[in-house]
Structure formats: C-alpha cells, structure tokens
Amino acid sequence: MAGFDKVVSSYEEAMAGLEDNMTIIAGGFGLCGIPENLISEIEKRGTKGLTIVSNNCGVDNFGLGLLLPNRQIKKIIASYVGENAEFERQMMSGELDVELTPQGTLAEKMRAGGAGIPAFFTATGYGTPVAEGKEEREIGGKHYILEHAIKGDFAIVKAWKADRYGNLIFRKTARNFNPMAATAGKITVVEVEEIVESGELDPDQIHTPGIYVNRIILGTFEKRIEQRTIQATQ
C-alpha cells in the first residue's frame, strides 16, 4: 500500500521541486475547476520566469491572476485573455509573452503530449495568424497546419474525488481541461475535494487513471465565478 499511496499532507510537499523557468500546465476553464490552492502555493514560493499553459489566466487577484503582479509568469500559452485587466496591461506593454492558441488545439496539444504524439495536423487556424511560421500540408484536398504537442515540468490539476493511488473523478463542467493537463506533466499534482480508500471508486467511473498522477492533496475551495449575475429582487 505505502508504495502506491500518493497522498501528501502539505502544499509545500505537493509542489516540491518547482524551480524558476519551468513550464506548468494548469487545468481549469475560467475559474471553473482550477487548482486554486496549488496556484496560491506557487505565488507563495515566488517562483519566477514561468511558462504557463492554460485556457486562460484567471482574473485579477485570483487563480493564475495571482502570479501576474509579481511578474512570476514570463510566457503564457492560452486561448482566452478577456477577464484579467493586469494580464491585458502586461500583454499590451510587451511585459508578458502571450501565445494565443485555439481552444480545441490547446486541448489536443496537451493530450498529444501525454500520449507521446510529438505533433499533429489540424485545419484549425489555417489561413490565419495562428498558422504563421508553421508547416502547412494539403491532405485529401484540405489544408492543414502542424501543431506541436506540449509537455510541462509540472501539471497542476483540480479533481472532485480521488483514491490514494491517484485515480481521479472530475465533476461536471469542472472536468474541462483537467484530464488532458493531468497526462502532460513530468510531475502531475492534483488537489481534490475528497480522498477515498483504494478500491472504493467504480473503475468504470474513473476519468484519469492514477498512472498519470504523482501527488494528491486534499483541499478546501472557494469556487468563485468570474462574473456573478443575479436577478434583482422583485
């Protein structure tokens, strides 16, 4: 049992080995399913020069947005940047290197990295600035561009439930980029809402097998949303 138990007791232990100039792949979509406490640990460590791969960069002062004020992020590979004023400021001033990537392509780049596929052709982005500098090929009468897989030094992931071997279940839309991110890290760290004993999860319900997971930590979560809109009282 001990050799397979991947549960750690502190966020310091969870992110042990993180160094400046590493690449981190982060799960989540907007603020849904983000590994918020692992991100807070990265902020606390003050790690610099990071390349972040994520759908977006959180919001001001929450999620990955926590890493912007102290210039901890050097480059971000993302699909969407519209919820974060500091992100916009750094991008427009040239302080932050931003590589915009179509959302489906970004997910596939993560999946390919985890599957050992070095690159793949996709029609998405052909004939647009996304294709600049990339190999193009015509296949079956259609035009494609070559996209390279992404792997990270760390992958940080949020799951709903895990067993002690690292098998993961995600809950509803919080699944988003997390399963792909989990496969693409040299070290994959997962924070979860519940940890159960090995054998308690139905094998048919597991979304990510524990073979991809190195460390698990039990967390508590704020679960913010980007823009809270409620109906006015009648």
Protein backbone atom coordinates (compact mmCIF):
# COMPACT_ATOMS: atom_id res chain seq x y z
CA MET A 1 0.00 0.00 0.00
CA ALA A 2 2.67 2.52 1.03
CA GLY A 3 4.45 2.27 -2.31
CA PHE A 4 1.31 3.29 -4.16
CA ASP A 5 -0.05 5.92 -1.77
CA LYS A 6 0.33 9.30 -3.47
CA VAL A 7 -1.31 11.49 -0.82
CA VAL A 8 0.79 14.34 0.58
CA SER A 9 -0.08 16.39 3.65
CA SER A 10 1.07 19.90 2.71
CA TYR A 11 1.12 22.20 -0.28
CA GLU A 12 4.86 22.66 0.23
CA GLU A 13 5.30 18.94 -0.32
CA ALA A 14 2.83 18.94 -3.20
CA MET A 15 4.90 21.47 -5.17
CA ALA A 16 8.34 20.27 -4.09
CA GLY A 17 10.86 20.55 -6.92
CA LEU A 18 9.29 23.58 -8.59
CA GLU A 19 12.02 25.88 -9.85
CA ASP A 20 12.35 29.13 -11.80
CA ASN A 21 11.87 28.97 -15.58
CA MET A 22 9.82 25.78 -15.54
CA THR A 23 6.70 25.08 -17.64
CA ILE A 24 3.45 24.48 -15.78
CA ILE A 25 0.31 23.07 -17.41
CA ALA A 26 -2.79 24.11 -15.44
CA GLY A 27 -6.26 22.65 -15.66
CA GLY A 28 -9.43 24.70 -15.42
CA PHE A 29 -11.65 26.87 -17.60
CA GLY A 30 -12.26 30.39 -16.43
CA LEU A 31 -12.41 29.85 -12.69
CA CYS A 32 -14.18 26.50 -13.02
CA GLY A 33 -12.12 23.53 -11.91
CA ILE A 34 -8.93 25.49 -11.28
CA PRO A 35 -6.30 24.16 -8.82
CA GLU A 36 -6.60 27.34 -6.81
CA ASN A 37 -4.59 26.29 -3.75
CA LEU A 38 -1.71 24.92 -5.82
CA ILE A 39 -1.62 28.25 -7.64
CA SER A 40 -1.52 30.04 -4.28
CA GLU A 41 1.43 27.88 -3.27
CA ILE A 42 3.29 28.92 -6.45
CA GLU A 43 2.62 32.57 -5.59
CA LYS A 44 3.85 31.98 -2.04
CA ARG A 45 7.08 30.43 -3.31
CA GLY A 46 7.75 33.43 -5.55
CA THR A 47 8.89 31.20 -8.41
CA LYS A 48 9.81 33.33 -11.44
CA GLY A 49 10.20 33.02 -15.20
CA LEU A 50 7.37 30.52 -15.54
CA THR A 51 5.75 29.42 -18.77
CA ILE A 52 2.08 28.73 -18.07
CA VAL A 53 -0.12 26.61 -20.33
CA SER A 54 -3.80 27.13 -19.53
CA ASN A 55 -7.05 28.06 -21.19
CA ASN A 56 -6.85 31.50 -19.57
CA CYS A 57 -5.10 33.33 -16.75
CA GLY A 58 -7.74 33.59 -14.07
CA VAL A 59 -8.97 37.02 -13.01
CA ASP A 60 -7.29 39.87 -11.19
CA ASN A 61 -6.01 38.56 -7.86
CA PHE A 62 -7.45 35.06 -8.14
CA GLY A 63 -6.46 31.88 -9.90
CA LEU A 64 -3.46 32.27 -12.18
CA GLY A 65 -4.02 36.02 -11.96
CA LEU A 66 -2.26 35.83 -8.58
CA LEU A 67 1.03 35.24 -10.38
CA LEU A 68 0.91 38.39 -12.50
CA PRO A 69 1.52 41.29 -10.07
CA ASN A 70 4.93 39.91 -9.03
CA ARG A 71 5.88 39.06 -12.64
CA GLN A 72 6.12 35.34 -11.94
CA ILE A 73 4.87 34.46 -15.43
CA LYS A 74 7.23 35.00 -18.34
CA LYS A 75 5.06 33.42 -21.05
CA ILE A 76 1.54 32.08 -21.27
CA ILE A 77 0.06 29.78 -23.89
CA ALA A 78 -3.70 30.33 -23.69
CA SER A 79 -6.97 30.56 -25.59
CA TYR A 80 -8.71 33.44 -23.84
CA VAL A 81 -7.46 36.54 -22.06
CA GLY A 82 -10.55 38.70 -21.56
CA GLU A 83 -11.19 38.56 -17.81
CA ASN A 84 -7.97 39.99 -16.43
CA ALA A 85 -7.03 43.66 -16.59
CA GLU A 86 -3.45 43.12 -15.38
CA PHE A 87 -2.98 40.38 -17.98
CA GLU A 88 -4.14 42.78 -20.68
CA ARG A 89 -1.85 45.52 -19.42
CA GLN A 90 1.24 43.30 -19.36
CA MET A 91 0.44 41.84 -22.77
CA MET A 92 -0.12 45.22 -24.42
CA SER A 93 3.04 46.68 -22.85
CA GLY A 94 5.18 43.75 -24.01
CA GLU A 95 5.99 42.62 -20.46
CA LEU A 96 4.30 39.26 -20.98
CA ASP A 97 4.87 36.88 -23.89
CA VAL A 98 1.45 35.57 -24.99
CA GLU A 99 0.89 32.75 -27.47
CA LEU A 100 -2.80 32.58 -28.33
CA THR A 101 -3.91 29.10 -29.32
CA PRO A 102 -7.37 27.93 -30.47
CA GLN A 103 -9.13 26.18 -27.62
CA GLY A 104 -9.52 22.76 -29.23
CA THR A 105 -5.95 22.88 -30.48
CA LEU A 106 -4.71 23.68 -26.98
CA ALA A 107 -6.58 20.71 -25.53
CA GLU A 108 -5.18 18.44 -28.25
CA LYS A 109 -1.63 19.74 -27.70
CA MET A 110 -1.94 18.66 -24.05
CA ARG A 111 -3.49 15.30 -24.95
CA ALA A 112 -0.82 14.66 -27.56
CA GLY A 113 1.92 15.47 -25.06
CA GLY A 114 0.53 12.90 -22.66
CA ALA A 115 0.06 10.29 -25.40
CA GLY A 116 3.61 10.57 -26.72
CA ILE A 117 2.49 12.10 -30.03
CA PRO A 118 5.06 14.78 -30.95
CA ALA A 119 2.88 16.76 -33.36
CA PHE A 120 -0.36 16.61 -35.34
CA PHE A 121 -2.02 18.30 -38.31
CA THR A 122 -5.19 20.34 -37.84
CA ALA A 123 -7.27 22.52 -40.13
CA THR A 124 -7.94 24.94 -37.29
CA GLY A 125 -6.09 28.21 -37.82
CA TYR A 126 -5.12 27.63 -41.43
CA GLY A 127 -5.02 30.92 -43.33
CA THR A 128 -4.96 32.99 -40.13
CA PRO A 129 -2.17 34.48 -37.99
CA VAL A 130 -2.27 31.23 -35.97
CA ALA A 131 -0.60 29.50 -38.94
CA GLU A 132 2.32 31.91 -39.28
CA GLY A 133 5.65 30.09 -39.25
CA LYS A 134 4.08 26.64 -39.09
CA GLU A 135 4.38 23.81 -41.56
CA GLU A 136 1.38 23.55 -43.90
CA ARG A 137 0.24 20.48 -45.81
CA GLU A 138 -2.61 19.57 -48.13
CA ILE A 139 -4.23 16.24 -47.29
CA GLY A 140 -7.24 14.93 -49.18
CA GLY A 141 -7.88 18.30 -50.74
CA LYS A 142 -7.92 20.18 -47.41
CA HIS A 143 -5.25 22.42 -45.91
CA TYR A 144 -3.74 21.76 -42.50
CA ILE A 145 -1.09 23.21 -40.22
CA LEU A 146 1.31 21.31 -37.98
CA GLU A 147 0.92 21.86 -34.25
CA HIS A 148 3.42 20.51 -31.74
CA ALA A 149 2.49 18.73 -28.54
CA ILE A 150 3.00 20.36 -25.15
CA LYS A 151 4.55 18.80 -22.06
CA GLY A 152 5.20 20.52 -18.75
CA ASP A 153 7.66 20.15 -15.93
CA PHE A 154 4.59 20.25 -13.69
CA ALA A 155 0.88 19.76 -14.33
CA ILE A 156 -1.48 21.13 -11.69
CA VAL A 157 -4.99 19.76 -11.69
CA LYS A 158 -8.25 20.03 -9.72
CA ALA A 159 -10.43 16.91 -9.35
CA TRP A 160 -13.54 16.12 -7.36
CA LYS A 161 -12.60 12.74 -5.94
CA ALA A 162 -9.51 10.53 -5.87
CA ASP A 163 -8.38 7.32 -4.28
CA ARG A 164 -4.98 7.01 -2.66
CA TYR A 165 -3.50 5.52 -5.86
CA GLY A 166 -4.32 8.71 -7.78
CA ASN A 167 -7.32 7.54 -9.81
CA LEU A 168 -9.44 10.63 -10.47
CA ILE A 169 -13.08 11.56 -10.99
CA PHE A 170 -13.98 15.06 -12.17
CA ARG A 171 -17.36 16.65 -11.53
CA LYS A 172 -19.45 18.01 -14.39
CA THR A 173 -18.01 21.07 -16.18
CA ALA A 174 -15.04 21.19 -13.80
CA ARG A 175 -13.71 18.32 -15.89
CA ASN A 176 -12.82 20.73 -18.78
CA PHE A 177 -9.04 20.82 -19.46
CA ASN A 178 -8.11 18.87 -16.33
CA PRO A 179 -7.92 15.32 -17.77
CA MET A 180 -5.68 16.43 -20.64
CA ALA A 181 -3.47 18.52 -18.35
CA ALA A 182 -3.08 15.59 -15.97
CA THR A 183 -1.41 13.47 -18.65
CA ALA A 184 1.08 16.07 -19.82
CA GLY A 185 3.23 16.82 -16.79
CA LYS A 186 6.51 15.21 -15.81
CA ILE A 187 5.15 15.69 -12.29
CA THR A 188 1.36 15.84 -12.01
CA VAL A 189 -0.07 17.25 -8.79
CA VAL A 190 -3.80 17.03 -8.08
CA GLU A 191 -5.85 18.73 -5.41
CA VAL A 192 -9.19 17.14 -4.64
CA GLU A 193 -12.32 17.64 -2.60
CA GLU A 194 -12.45 14.06 -1.33
CA ILE A 195 -9.98 11.20 -0.97
CA VAL A 196 -11.28 7.64 -0.59
CA GLU A 197 -9.53 4.37 0.03
CA SER A 198 -8.24 2.31 -2.87
CA GLY A 199 -10.97 0.09 -4.30
CA GLU A 200 -13.84 2.42 -3.38
CA LEU A 201 -14.11 4.04 -6.82
CA ASP A 202 -16.05 2.28 -9.55
CA PRO A 203 -13.44 1.58 -12.26
CA ASP A 204 -16.00 2.49 -14.94
CA GLN A 205 -16.37 5.98 -13.44
CA ILE A 206 -12.67 6.91 -13.35
CA HIS A 207 -11.77 9.69 -15.78
CA THR A 208 -7.99 9.75 -15.27
CA PRO A 209 -6.04 6.64 -14.22
CA GLY A 210 -3.62 7.02 -11.35
CA ILE A 211 -0.64 6.12 -13.55
CA TYR A 212 -0.58 9.77 -14.65
CA VAL A 213 -0.66 11.18 -11.11
CA ASN A 214 2.35 11.70 -8.84
CA ARG A 215 0.91 13.58 -5.85
CA ILE A 216 -2.55 14.17 -4.37
CA ILE A 217 -3.58 16.67 -1.72
CA LEU A 218 -6.93 17.24 -0.02
CA GLY A 219 -8.02 20.86 -0.29
CA THR A 220 -10.83 23.25 0.51
CA PHE A 221 -12.03 25.57 -2.23
CA GLU A 222 -13.57 28.99 -2.64
CA LYS A 223 -15.04 28.15 -6.08
CA ARG A 224 -15.51 31.68 -7.36
CA ILE A 225 -17.12 32.53 -10.67
CA GLU A 226 -15.86 35.24 -13.00
CA GLN A 227 -18.94 37.47 -13.05
CA ARG A 228 -21.71 36.88 -10.57
CA THR A 229 -25.02 37.93 -12.07
CA ILE A 230 -28.24 37.63 -10.07
CA GLN A 231 -31.79 38.67 -10.68
CA ALA A 232 -32.89 41.83 -8.93
CA THR A 233 -35.40 41.33 -6.13
CA GLN A 234 -38.90 41.91 -7.40
